[in-house]
Amino acid sequence: MRTLTAVGHRGDPYRVRENTLPSIRSAFARGADAVEIDVRLTRDGVPVLLHDETLQRLWGHDVRLDAVTAPQLREMTGGGVPELREALAAGGGGRLMIDLPGATPGAVRAVVGVVRECGARERVYYCAGPATVLAVRAADPGAEIALTWTTLSPPRRVLTDAVAPRWLNYRFGLVGRELTDALHRDGLLVSAWTADTKRTMRALVAAGVDSITTNRVDALIAVRSRPAR
């Protein structure tokens, strides 16, 4: 019987601001097996947690992240945007799924380097599109990878051979039993994002997914704990 992995999307964002240390801790406290975080680099090359290119939506500053240094960012946000190394510590022994929006090969190397320096390789895995995860594989041949895939057409064999993903990571609306069965036959695990209603969660469980990423970890834990009828 497969065990469903519950992943907190950017932490526990319905209760605590996303991609912050309190949000990560809240998700784990509510039962998450892993937390997905978004990592980008500041102007001086420090990996920090932020999904957007700018600070506008979450922090009220109409400025690009890559235009400020880490000390400037700390001052502008009152220390609210954590560095990756802080997030790795805040996660304790919990797993972190690192998403790498818009990452260049240089940014990937910087992120992988911090993970390695913090001794966190065994509890970190990476999710992103093909170009980025190819850079991850080049930076760390042993990394665990979730290849984000956005169509029902399967990735070409040459890509999966090069990336060697453990997971294929799909938007939840694409996932059904036929897809999961086919991927399981190929030895791949299936993750789905971002499911926030219990109805959707139950449908994904029935489809046989191995992992669900959600903004509502407590709801997913409740669904997981209730046996299917």
Foldseek 3Di string as FASTA:
>chain_A
DFAAAEEEEQAQPVVDPGQFLVRNLNLVVLPHQEYEFEWDAALVGFIWTDDDQACCPPQNDGDGRNDHHPVVVCVSRVNGIDTPLVNLVSNPQGAYEYEYPPDDLVSLLSVVVSCVVSVNQVRYAYEDAQVSLLSNCVNPVPGAYAHEDEDLPDDDPVSCVSNVHQEHEYALVHAALVSQVVVVVVNHAYEYDDDEDLVSLLRVVVSPHRYYYYSHSNSNVVSSVDDDD
